PDB file of N, CA and C in Angstrom:
ATOM      1  N   MET A   1       0.364  -1.073  -0.002  1.00  0.00           N
ATOM      2  CA  MET A   1       0.110  -0.234  -0.329  1.00  0.00           C
ATOM      3  C   MET A   1       0.514   0.956   0.119  1.00  0.00           C
ATOM      4  N   ASN A   2       0.930   2.276  -1.415  1.00  0.00           N
ATOM      5  CA  ASN A   2       1.594   3.418  -0.982  1.00  0.00           C
ATOM      6  C   ASN A   2       0.765   4.840  -1.321  1.00  0.00           C
ATOM      7  N   TYR A   3      -0.418   4.333  -0.974  1.00  0.00           N
ATOM      8  CA  TYR A   3      -0.810   5.750  -0.576  1.00  0.00           C
ATOM      9  C   TYR A   3      -2.093   5.363   0.403  1.00  0.00           C
ATOM     10  N   VAL A   4      -2.138   6.413   1.152  1.00  0.00           N
ATOM     11  CA  VAL A   4      -3.344   6.661   2.070  1.00  0.00           C
ATOM     12  C   VAL A   4      -3.354   8.390   2.485  1.00  0.00           C
ATOM     13  N   TRP A   5      -5.176   8.368   2.418  1.00  0.00           N
ATOM     14  CA  TRP A   5      -5.654   9.952   2.446  1.00  0.00           C
ATOM     15  C   TRP A   5      -6.833   9.908   2.969  1.00  0.00           C
ATOM     16  N   VAL A   6      -6.531  10.650   4.255  1.00  0.00           N
ATOM     17  CA  VAL A   6      -7.659  10.868   5.084  1.00  0.00           C
ATOM     18  C   VAL A   6      -8.028  12.259   5.225  1.00  0.00           C
ATOM     19  N   ASP A   7      -9.228  13.214   4.796  1.00  0.00           N
ATOM     20  CA  ASP A   7      -9.784  13.895   4.730  1.00  0.00           C
ATOM     21  C   ASP A   7     -11.369  14.739   5.224  1.00  0.00           C
ATOM     22  N   ALA A   8     -11.645  15.332   5.277  1.00  0.00           N
ATOM     23  CA  ALA A   8     -13.054  15.423   5.480  1.00  0.00           C
ATOM     24  C   ALA A   8     -14.017  14.829   4.696  1.00  0.00           C
ATOM     25  N   GLU A   9     -13.248  14.467   3.241  1.00  0.00           N
ATOM     26  CA  GLU A   9     -14.815  13.716   2.530  1.00  0.00           C
ATOM     27  C   GLU A   9     -14.455  12.183   2.545  1.00  0.00           C
ATOM     28  N   GLY A  10     -13.564  11.966   2.862  1.00  0.00           N
ATOM     29  CA  GLY A  10     -13.704  10.608   3.159  1.00  0.00           C
ATOM     30  C   GLY A  10     -12.047   9.824   3.777  1.00  0.00           C
ATOM     31  N   VAL A  11     -11.903   8.615   3.097  1.00  0.00           N
ATOM     32  CA  VAL A  11     -10.457   7.931   3.070  1.00  0.00           C
ATOM     33  C   VAL A  11     -10.510   7.207   1.634  1.00  0.00           C
ATOM     34  N   THR A  12      -9.231   7.847   1.246  1.00  0.00           N
ATOM     35  CA  THR A  12      -8.451   6.665   0.153  1.00  0.00           C
ATOM     36  C   THR A  12      -7.023   6.429   0.721  1.00  0.00           C
ATOM     37  N   VAL A  13      -7.495   5.041  -0.133  1.00  0.00           N
ATOM     38  CA  VAL A  13      -5.841   3.953  -0.177  1.00  0.00           C
ATOM     39  C   VAL A  13      -5.587   3.447  -1.683  1.00  0.00           C
ATOM     40  N   GLY A  14      -4.036   3.809  -1.897  1.00  0.00           N
ATOM     41  CA  GLY A  14      -3.837   2.851  -2.869  1.00  0.00           C
ATOM     42  C   GLY A  14      -2.581   1.911  -2.723  1.00  0.00           C
ATOM     43  N   ALA A  15      -2.964   1.364  -4.255  1.00  0.00           N
ATOM     44  CA  ALA A  15      -1.609  -0.012  -3.800  1.00  0.00           C
ATOM     45  C   ALA A  15      -1.097  -0.014  -5.184  1.00  0.00           C
ATOM     46  N   THR A  16       0.265  -0.480  -5.284  1.00  0.00           N
ATOM     47  CA  THR A  16       1.141  -0.022  -6.187  1.00  0.00           C
ATOM     48  C   THR A  16       1.656  -1.895  -6.297  1.00  0.00           C
ATOM     49  N   SER A  17       2.539  -2.032  -6.924  1.00  0.00           N
ATOM     50  CA  SER A  17       2.857  -3.524  -7.289  1.00  0.00           C
ATOM     51  C   SER A  17       3.931  -3.581  -6.499  1.00  0.00           C
ATOM     52  N   ALA A  18       4.613  -4.790  -6.072  1.00  0.00           N
ATOM     53  CA  ALA A  18       5.673  -5.168  -5.351  1.00  0.00           C
ATOM     54  C   ALA A  18       6.621  -4.614  -5.904  1.00  0.00           C
ATOM     55  N   GLN A  19       7.168  -5.230  -7.339  1.00  0.00           N
ATOM     56  CA  GLN A  19       8.219  -4.670  -8.265  1.00  0.00           C
ATOM     57  C   GLN A  19       8.254  -2.970  -8.053  1.00  0.00           C
ATOM     58  N   ARG A  20       7.209  -2.001  -8.221  1.00  0.00           N
ATOM     59  CA  ARG A  20       7.135  -0.927  -8.419  1.00  0.00           C
ATOM     60  C   ARG A  20       8.064  -0.505  -6.772  1.00  0.00           C
ATOM     61  N   TRP A  21       7.055  -0.881  -6.661  1.00  0.00           N
ATOM     62  CA  TRP A  21       7.423  -0.312  -4.565  1.00  0.00           C
ATOM     63  C   TRP A  21       9.158  -0.616  -4.864  1.00  0.00           C
ATOM     64  N   ALA A  22       9.796  -1.887  -4.604  1.00  0.00           N
ATOM     65  CA  ALA A  22      10.876  -2.211  -4.702  1.00  0.00           C
ATOM     66  C   ALA A  22      12.527  -1.609  -5.256  1.00  0.00           C
ATOM     67  N   TRP A  23      11.506  -0.821  -6.364  1.00  0.00           N
ATOM     68  CA  TRP A  23      12.547  -0.287  -7.717  1.00  0.00           C
ATOM     69  C   TRP A  23      12.135   1.283  -6.700  1.00  0.00           C
ATOM     70  N   ASP A  24      11.499   1.740  -5.868  1.00  0.00           N
ATOM     71  CA  ASP A  24      11.088   3.299  -5.696  1.00  0.00           C
ATOM     72  C   ASP A  24      12.457   3.118  -4.758  1.00  0.00           C
ATOM     73  N   VAL A  25      12.294   2.216  -3.692  1.00  0.00           N
ATOM     74  CA  VAL A  25      12.748   2.001  -2.012  1.00  0.00           C
ATOM     75  C   VAL A  25      13.795   1.565  -2.549  1.00  0.00           C
ATOM     76  N   SER A  26      14.749   0.697  -3.371  1.00  0.00           N
ATOM     77  CA  SER A  26      16.387   0.409  -3.948  1.00  0.00           C
ATOM     78  C   SER A  26      15.981   2.322  -3.867  1.00  0.00           C
ATOM     79  N   GLU A  27      15.819   2.890  -4.740  1.00  0.00           N
ATOM     80  CA  GLU A  27      16.175   4.189  -4.995  1.00  0.00           C
ATOM     81  C   GLU A  27      16.689   5.537  -3.817  1.00  0.00           C
ATOM     82  N   GLY A  28      16.239   5.171  -2.862  1.00  0.00           N
ATOM     83  CA  GLY A  28      15.978   5.602  -1.465  1.00  0.00           C
ATOM     84  C   GLY A  28      14.388   6.639  -1.454  1.00  0.00           C
ATOM     85  N   TYR A  29      13.753   6.370  -1.956  1.00  0.00           N
ATOM     86  CA  TYR A  29      12.094   6.727  -1.776  1.00  0.00           C
ATOM     87  C   TYR A  29      11.653   5.814  -0.741  1.00  0.00           C
ATOM     88  N   SER A  30      10.361   6.422  -0.364  1.00  0.00           N
ATOM     89  CA  SER A  30      10.108   5.835   0.785  1.00  0.00           C
ATOM     90  C   SER A  30       8.687   4.849   0.190  1.00  0.00           C
ATOM     91  N   GLY A  31       8.677   4.750  -1.284  1.00  0.00           N
ATOM     92  CA  GLY A  31       7.433   3.930  -1.978  1.00  0.00           C
ATOM     93  C   GLY A  31       6.457   4.993  -2.555  1.00  0.00           C
ATOM     94  N   ALA A  32       5.912   5.702  -1.886  1.00  0.00           N
ATOM     95  CA  ALA A  32       4.877   6.462  -1.937  1.00  0.00           C
ATOM     96  C   ALA A  32       5.046   6.810  -3.396  1.00  0.00           C
ATOM     97  N   ASP A  33       6.029   7.344  -3.809  1.00  0.00           N
ATOM     98  CA  ASP A  33       5.951   7.989  -5.596  1.00  0.00           C
ATOM     99  C   ASP A  33       5.883   6.347  -6.671  1.00  0.00           C
ATOM    100  N   ALA A  34       6.054   5.469  -6.502  1.00  0.00           N
ATOM    101  CA  ALA A  34       5.896   4.415  -7.206  1.00  0.00           C
ATOM    102  C   ALA A  34       4.658   4.408  -7.649  1.00  0.00           C
ATOM    103  N   LYS A  35       4.386   3.859  -8.860  1.00  0.00           N
ATOM    104  CA  LYS A  35       2.859   4.240  -9.423  1.00  0.00           C
ATOM    105  C   LYS A  35       1.762   3.374  -9.060  1.00  0.00           C
ATOM    106  N   THR A  36       0.977   4.027  -8.252  1.00  0.00           N
ATOM    107  CA  THR A  36      -0.491   4.059  -7.868  1.00  0.00           C
ATOM    108  C   THR A  36      -1.053   3.219  -9.006  1.00  0.00           C
ATOM    109  N   LEU A  37      -1.184   1.481  -8.486  1.00  0.00           N
ATOM    110  CA  LEU A  37      -2.084   0.907  -9.813  1.00  0.00           C
ATOM    111  C   LEU A  37      -3.593   0.836  -9.292  1.00  0.00           C
ATOM    112  N   VAL A  38      -4.102   0.825  -8.223  1.00  0.00           N
ATOM    113  CA  VAL A  38      -5.202   0.856  -7.689  1.00  0.00           C
ATOM    114  C   VAL A  38      -5.545   1.607  -7.188  1.00  0.00           C
ATOM    115  N   MET A  39      -6.533   2.125  -6.457  1.00  0.00           N
ATOM    116  CA  MET A  39      -7.556   2.985  -5.578  1.00  0.00           C
ATOM    117  C   MET A  39      -8.608   2.819  -4.791  1.00  0.00           C
ATOM    118  N   ALA A  40      -9.200   2.808  -3.371  1.00  0.00           N
ATOM    119  CA  ALA A  40     -10.196   2.444  -3.048  1.00  0.00           C
ATOM    120  C   ALA A  40     -10.502   3.909  -2.661  1.00  0.00           C
ATOM    121  N   THR A  41     -11.844   4.299  -2.244  1.00  0.00           N
ATOM    122  CA  THR A  41     -12.392   5.326  -1.448  1.00  0.00           C
ATOM    123  C   THR A  41     -13.682   5.047  -0.981  1.00  0.00           C
ATOM    124  N   LEU A  42     -13.544   5.682   0.456  1.00  0.00           N
ATOM    125  CA  LEU A  42     -14.648   5.298   0.873  1.00  0.00           C
ATOM    126  C   LEU A  42     -15.039   6.738   1.921  1.00  0.00           C
ATOM    127  N   SER A  43     -16.732   7.146   0.893  1.00  0.00           N
ATOM    128  CA  SER A  43     -16.771   8.580   1.181  1.00  0.00           C
ATOM    129  C   SER A  43     -17.588   8.742   2.554  1.00  0.00           C
ATOM    130  N   ASN A  44     -17.040   9.807   3.155  1.00  0.00           N
ATOM    131  CA  ASN A  44     -18.341  10.541   4.267  1.00  0.00           C
ATOM    132  C   ASN A  44     -19.788  10.383   4.305  1.00  0.00           C
ATOM    133  N   ALA A  45     -20.695   9.995   5.095  1.00  0.00           N
ATOM    134  CA  ALA A  45     -22.163  10.170   4.572  1.00  0.00           C
ATOM    135  C   ALA A  45     -22.762  10.498   5.535  1.00  0.00           C
ATOM    136  N   PRO A  46     -23.759  11.003   5.353  1.00  0.00           N
ATOM    137  CA  PRO A  46     -24.453  11.651   6.676  1.00  0.00           C
ATOM    138  C   PRO A  46     -24.842  10.275   7.694  1.00  0.00           C
ATOM    139  N   PRO A  47     -25.198  10.613   8.998  1.00  0.00           N
ATOM    140  CA  PRO A  47     -25.721   9.265   9.844  1.00  0.00           C
ATOM    141  C   PRO A  47     -26.799   9.072   8.687  1.00  0.00           C
ATOM    142  N   GLY A  48     -27.119   7.435   9.428  1.00  0.00           N
ATOM    143  CA  GLY A  48     -28.240   6.075   8.272  1.00  0.00           C
ATOM    144  C   GLY A  48     -27.937   6.238   7.231  1.00  0.00           C
ATOM    145  N   VAL A  49     -27.236   7.002   6.275  1.00  0.00           N
ATOM    146  CA  VAL A  49     -27.145   7.084   4.864  1.00  0.00           C
ATOM    147  C   VAL A  49     -25.505   6.046   4.736  1.00  0.00           C
ATOM    148  N   ALA A  50     -25.569   4.978   4.166  1.00  0.00           N
ATOM    149  CA  ALA A  50     -25.057   4.133   3.578  1.00  0.00           C
ATOM    150  C   ALA A  50     -23.639   4.803   2.791  1.00  0.00           C
ATOM    151  N   PRO A  51     -22.494   4.802   3.385  1.00  0.00           N
ATOM    152  CA  PRO A  51     -20.767   5.380   2.582  1.00  0.00           C
ATOM    153  C   PRO A  51     -20.831   4.876   1.204  1.00  0.00           C
ATOM    154  N   ALA A  52     -20.543   5.516   0.591  1.00  0.00           N
ATOM    155  CA  ALA A  52     -20.458   5.133  -1.291  1.00  0.00           C
ATOM    156  C   ALA A  52     -18.729   4.536  -1.236  1.00  0.00           C
ATOM    157  N   GLU A  53     -18.559   3.184  -1.350  1.00  0.00           N
ATOM    158  CA  GLU A  53     -17.227   3.105  -1.930  1.00  0.00           C
ATOM    159  C   GLU A  53     -17.250   3.003  -3.311  1.00  0.00           C
ATOM    160  N   SER A  54     -15.733   2.948  -3.492  1.00  0.00           N
ATOM    161  CA  SER A  54     -16.091   3.343  -5.231  1.00  0.00           C
ATOM    162  C   SER A  54     -13.843   2.505  -5.400  1.00  0.00           C
ATOM    163  N   VAL A  55     -13.207   2.224  -6.584  1.00  0.00           N
ATOM    164  CA  VAL A  55     -12.700   1.536  -6.698  1.00  0.00           C
ATOM    165  C   VAL A  55     -12.087   2.385  -8.382  1.00  0.00           C
ATOM    166  N   THR A  56     -10.600   2.986  -8.104  1.00  0.00           N
ATOM    167  CA  THR A  56     -10.046   3.392  -9.307  1.00  0.00           C
ATOM    168  C   THR A  56      -9.237   2.515 -10.025  1.00  0.00           C
ATOM    169  N   PHE A  57      -8.400   2.602 -11.112  1.00  0.00           N
ATOM    170  CA  PHE A  57      -7.699   1.827 -11.396  1.00  0.00           C
ATOM    171  C   PHE A  57      -6.850   2.398 -12.385  1.00  0.00           C
ATOM    172  N   HIS A  58      -5.662   2.743 -12.796  1.00  0.00           N
ATOM    173  CA  HIS A  58      -4.720   3.655 -12.923  1.00  0.00           C
ATOM    174  C   HIS A  58      -3.276   2.458 -13.656  1.00  0.00           C
ATOM    175  N   VAL A  59      -3.853   1.584 -14.526  1.00  0.00           N
ATOM    176  CA  VAL A  59      -3.645   0.838 -15.036  1.00  0.00           C
ATOM    177  C   VAL A  59      -4.286   0.190 -16.100  1.00  0.00           C
ATOM    178  N   HIS A  60      -3.519  -0.095 -17.518  1.00  0.00           N
ATOM    179  CA  HIS A  60      -4.040  -0.197 -18.624  1.00  0.00           C
ATOM    180  C   HIS A  60      -4.914  -1.787 -18.927  1.00  0.00           C
ATOM    181  N   PRO A  61      -6.255  -1.787 -19.104  1.00  0.00           N
ATOM    182  CA  PRO A  61      -6.512  -2.672 -19.275  1.00  0.00           C
ATOM    183  C   PRO A  61      -5.334  -4.351 -19.630  1.00  0.00           C
ATOM    184  N   THR A  62      -4.698  -4.324 -20.314  1.00  0.00           N
ATOM    185  CA  THR A  62      -4.249  -5.099 -21.397  1.00  0.00           C
ATOM    186  C   THR A  62      -2.592  -5.417 -20.294  1.00  0.00           C
ATOM    187  N   ASP A  63      -2.499  -4.293 -19.750  1.00  0.00           N
ATOM    188  CA  ASP A  63      -1.050  -4.248 -18.676  1.00  0.00           C
ATOM    189  C   ASP A  63      -1.189  -5.579 -17.670  1.00  0.00           C
ATOM    190  N   ALA A  64       0.412  -6.181 -17.830  1.00  0.00           N
ATOM    191  CA  ALA A  64       0.501  -7.654 -17.010  1.00  0.00           C
ATOM    192  C   ALA A  64       0.148  -7.384 -15.468  1.00  0.00           C
ATOM    193  N   GLU A  65       0.271  -5.890 -15.151  1.00  0.00           N
ATOM    194  CA  GLU A  65       0.066  -5.403 -13.555  1.00  0.00           C
ATOM    195  C   GLU A  65      -1.270  -5.418 -13.328  1.00  0.00           C
ATOM    196  N   ARG A  66      -2.475  -5.479 -13.890  1.00  0.00           N
ATOM    197  CA  ARG A  66      -3.814  -5.179 -13.998  1.00  0.00           C
ATOM    198  C   ARG A  66      -4.238  -5.845 -12.337  1.00  0.00           C
ATOM    199  N   ALA A  67      -3.914  -7.736 -13.218  1.00  0.00           N
ATOM    200  CA  ALA A  67      -4.935  -8.532 -12.407  1.00  0.00           C
ATOM    201  C   ALA A  67      -3.887  -8.843 -10.777  1.00  0.00           C
ATOM    202  N   ALA A  68      -3.040  -8.064 -10.663  1.00  0.00           N
ATOM    203  CA  ALA A  68      -2.740  -7.698  -8.931  1.00  0.00           C
ATOM    204  C   ALA A  68      -3.201  -6.463  -9.061  1.00  0.00           C
ATOM    205  N   ALA A  69      -3.479  -5.610  -9.806  1.00  0.00           N
ATOM    206  CA  ALA A  69      -4.444  -4.765  -9.039  1.00  0.00           C
ATOM    207  C   ALA A  69      -6.070  -4.410  -8.717  1.00  0.00           C
ATOM    208  N   ILE A  70      -6.018  -5.539  -9.681  1.00  0.00           N
ATOM    209  CA  ILE A  70      -7.642  -6.332  -9.604  1.00  0.00           C
ATOM    210  C   ILE A  70      -7.670  -6.868  -7.985  1.00  0.00           C
ATOM    211  N   GLY A  71      -6.990  -8.117  -7.886  1.00  0.00           N
ATOM    212  CA  GLY A  71      -7.004  -8.849  -6.595  1.00  0.00           C
ATOM    213  C   GLY A  71      -6.493  -8.404  -5.562  1.00  0.00           C
ATOM    214  N   ALA A  72      -6.087  -7.106  -5.673  1.00  0.00           N
ATOM    215  CA  ALA A  72      -5.715  -5.684  -4.118  1.00  0.00           C
ATOM    216  C   ALA A  72      -7.040  -5.522  -3.793  1.00  0.00           C
ATOM    217  N   VAL A  73      -7.836  -5.336  -4.464  1.00  0.00           N
ATOM    218  CA  VAL A  73     -10.083  -4.131  -4.473  1.00  0.00           C
ATOM    219  C   VAL A  73     -10.139  -4.948  -3.297  1.00  0.00           C
ATOM    220  N   GLY A  74     -10.094  -6.312  -2.433  1.00  0.00           N
ATOM    221  CA  GLY A  74     -10.873  -7.061  -1.408  1.00  0.00           C
ATOM    222  C   GLY A  74     -10.308  -5.927  -0.222  1.00  0.00           C
ATOM    223  N   ALA A  75      -8.576  -5.770  -0.402  1.00  0.00           N
ATOM    224  CA  ALA A  75      -7.766  -5.733   1.127  1.00  0.00           C
ATOM    225  C   ALA A  75      -7.972  -4.325   0.760  1.00  0.00           C
ATOM    226  N   LEU A  76      -8.075  -3.067   0.165  1.00  0.00           N
ATOM    227  CA  LEU A  76      -7.954  -1.942  -0.270  1.00  0.00           C
ATOM    228  C   LEU A  76      -9.054  -1.480   0.371  1.00  0.00           C
ATOM    229  N   LEU A  77     -10.694  -2.199   0.158  1.00  0.00           N
ATOM    230  CA  LEU A  77     -11.766  -1.775   0.796  1.00  0.00           C
ATOM    231  C   LEU A  77     -11.402  -2.070   2.295  1.00  0.00           C
ATOM    232  N   ALA A  78     -11.048  -3.215   2.341  1.00  0.00           N
ATOM    233  CA  ALA A  78     -11.002  -3.365   4.207  1.00  0.00           C
ATOM    234  C   ALA A  78     -10.171  -2.223   4.582  1.00  0.00           C
ATOM    235  N   ALA A  79      -9.065  -1.763   4.335  1.00  0.00           N
ATOM    236  CA  ALA A  79      -8.804  -1.354   4.868  1.00  0.00           C
ATOM    237  C   ALA A  79      -9.218   0.523   4.721  1.00  0.00           C
ATOM    238  N   VAL A  80      -9.906   0.794   3.930  1.00  0.00           N
ATOM    239  CA  VAL A  80     -10.494   1.789   4.354  1.00  0.00           C
ATOM    240  C   VAL A  80     -11.687   1.883   4.981  1.00  0.00           C
ATOM    241  N   ARG A  81     -12.446   0.980   4.711  1.00  0.00           N
ATOM    242  CA  ARG A  81     -13.570   0.794   6.340  1.00  0.00           C
ATOM    243  C   ARG A  81     -12.667   0.673   7.702  1.00  0.00           C
ATOM    244  N   GLU A  82     -11.398  -0.013   7.739  1.00  0.00           N
ATOM    245  CA  GLU A  82     -10.957   0.158   8.862  1.00  0.00           C
ATOM    246  C   GLU A  82     -10.576   1.677   9.538  1.00  0.00           C
ATOM    247  N   LEU A  83      -9.663   2.598   8.522  1.00  0.00           N
ATOM    248  CA  LEU A  83      -9.231   3.813   8.686  1.00  0.00           C
ATOM    249  C   LEU A  83     -10.646   4.598   8.713  1.00  0.00           C
ATOM    250  N   HIS A  84     -11.245   4.759   8.482  1.00  0.00           N
ATOM    251  CA  HIS A  84     -12.965   5.139   7.999  1.00  0.00           C
ATOM    252  C   HIS A  84     -13.647   5.524   9.732  1.00  0.00           C
ATOM    253  N   ALA A  85     -13.403   3.600  10.038  1.00  0.00           N
ATOM    254  CA  ALA A  85     -14.216   3.422  11.295  1.00  0.00           C
ATOM    255  C   ALA A  85     -13.038   4.294  12.428  1.00  0.00           C
ATOM    256  N   ALA A  86     -12.121   4.481  12.527  1.00  0.00           N
ATOM    257  CA  ALA A  86     -10.551   4.931  12.783  1.00  0.00           C
ATOM    258  C   ALA A  86     -10.562   6.049  13.380  1.00  0.00           C
ATOM    259  N   GLN A  87     -11.470   7.350  12.172  1.00  0.00           N
ATOM    260  CA  GLN A  87     -11.630   8.560  12.446  1.00  0.00           C
ATOM    261  C   GLN A  87     -12.326   9.022  13.924  1.00  0.00           C
ATOM    262  N   PRO A  88     -11.807   9.590  14.699  1.00  0.00           N
ATOM    263  CA  PRO A  88     -10.187  10.946  14.276  1.00  0.00           C
ATOM    264  C   PRO A  88      -8.620  10.008  14.487  1.00  0.00           C
ATOM    265  N   ALA A  89      -8.622   9.549  14.913  1.00  0.00           N
ATOM    266  CA  ALA A  89      -7.456   8.446  15.612  1.00  0.00           C
ATOM    267  C   ALA A  89      -7.081   7.886  14.415  1.00  0.00           C
ATOM    268  N   TRP A  90      -7.309   8.574  12.743  1.00  0.00           N
ATOM    269  CA  TRP A  90      -7.025   7.446  11.994  1.00  0.00           C
ATOM    270  C   TRP A  90      -5.405   7.512  11.421  1.00  0.00           C
ATOM    271  N   GLN A  91      -4.509   8.576  12.015  1.00  0.00           N
ATOM    272  CA  GLN A  91      -3.302   8.825  11.742  1.00  0.00           C
ATOM    273  C   GLN A  91      -1.950   8.065  12.130  1.00  0.00           C
ATOM    274  N   GLU A  92      -2.451   6.979  13.255  1.00  0.00           N
ATOM    275  CA  GLU A  92      -1.392   6.080  13.871  1.00  0.00           C
ATOM    276  C   GLU A  92      -1.718   5.043  13.104  1.00  0.00           C
ATOM    277  N   LEU A  93      -2.937   4.764  12.689  1.00  0.00           N
ATOM    278  CA  LEU A  93      -3.492   3.460  12.129  1.00  0.00           C
ATOM    279  C   LEU A  93      -3.005   3.702  10.474  1.00  0.00           C
ATOM    280  N   ALA A  94      -2.977   5.253  10.009  1.00  0.00           N
ATOM    281  CA  ALA A  94      -2.442   5.142   8.381  1.00  0.00           C
ATOM    282  C   ALA A  94      -1.478   4.748   8.199  1.00  0.00           C
ATOM    283  N   ARG A  95      -0.049   4.688   8.968  1.00  0.00           N
ATOM    284  CA  ARG A  95       0.803   4.963   9.317  1.00  0.00           C
ATOM    285  C   ARG A  95       1.508   3.700   9.050  1.00  0.00           C
ATOM    286  N   SER A  96       0.646   3.037  10.237  1.00  0.00           N
ATOM    287  CA  SER A  96       0.899   1.118  10.039  1.00  0.00           C
ATOM    288  C   SER A  96       0.547   0.420   8.622  1.00  0.00           C
ATOM    289  N   TRP A  97      -0.549   0.604   7.655  1.00  0.00           N
ATOM    290  CA  TRP A  97      -0.847   0.953   6.802  1.00  0.00           C
ATOM    291  C   TRP A  97      -0.311   0.865   5.650  1.00  0.00           C
ATOM    292  N   PHE A  98       0.475   1.868   5.323  1.00  0.00           N
ATOM    293  CA  PHE A  98       1.337   2.738   4.382  1.00  0.00           C
ATOM    294  C   PHE A  98       2.640   1.620   4.860  1.00  0.00           C
ATOM    295  N   GLY A  99       2.983   1.127   2.832  1.00  0.00           N
ATOM    296  CA  GLY A  99       3.739   0.009   3.227  1.00  0.00           C
ATOM    297  C   GLY A  99       3.669  -1.209   3.271  1.00  0.00           C
ATOM    298  N   ARG A 100       2.568  -1.746   3.776  1.00  0.00           N
ATOM    299  CA  ARG A 100       2.191  -3.022   4.001  1.00  0.00           C
ATOM    300  C   ARG A 100       1.689  -3.475   2.428  1.00  0.00           C
ATOM    301  N   ALA A 101       2.446  -4.994   2.771  1.00  0.00           N
ATOM    302  CA  ALA A 101       1.900  -6.183   1.324  1.00  0.00           C
ATOM    303  C   ALA A 101       0.271  -6.283   1.531  1.00  0.00           C
ATOM    304  N   ILE A 102      -0.205  -5.701   0.683  1.00  0.00           N
ATOM    305  CA  ILE A 102      -1.875  -6.820   0.635  1.00  0.00           C
ATOM    306  C   ILE A 102      -1.424  -7.858  -0.775  1.00  0.00           C
TER     307      ILE A 102
END
């Protein structure tokens, strides 16, 4: 997981491939700069209304990494739900999710 964002609108997390993560880290970066292949968002909603979940892919349908991106969807949705439930104490939890293999 290379992207975690929480704001007034909701929670978004993203993932890259293990290979892209390794390239980024081997060059001295944090992994956050590796290309994010898939993102999941859970939007805040008023009480009594189910929050909207969305998934976006940032990889071409014919790219070999597409299967890994699709395979990460369940874990990403679980992560956004957990972070959303942890608000406002999400910062520590977000740090624990960053860099986690899914």
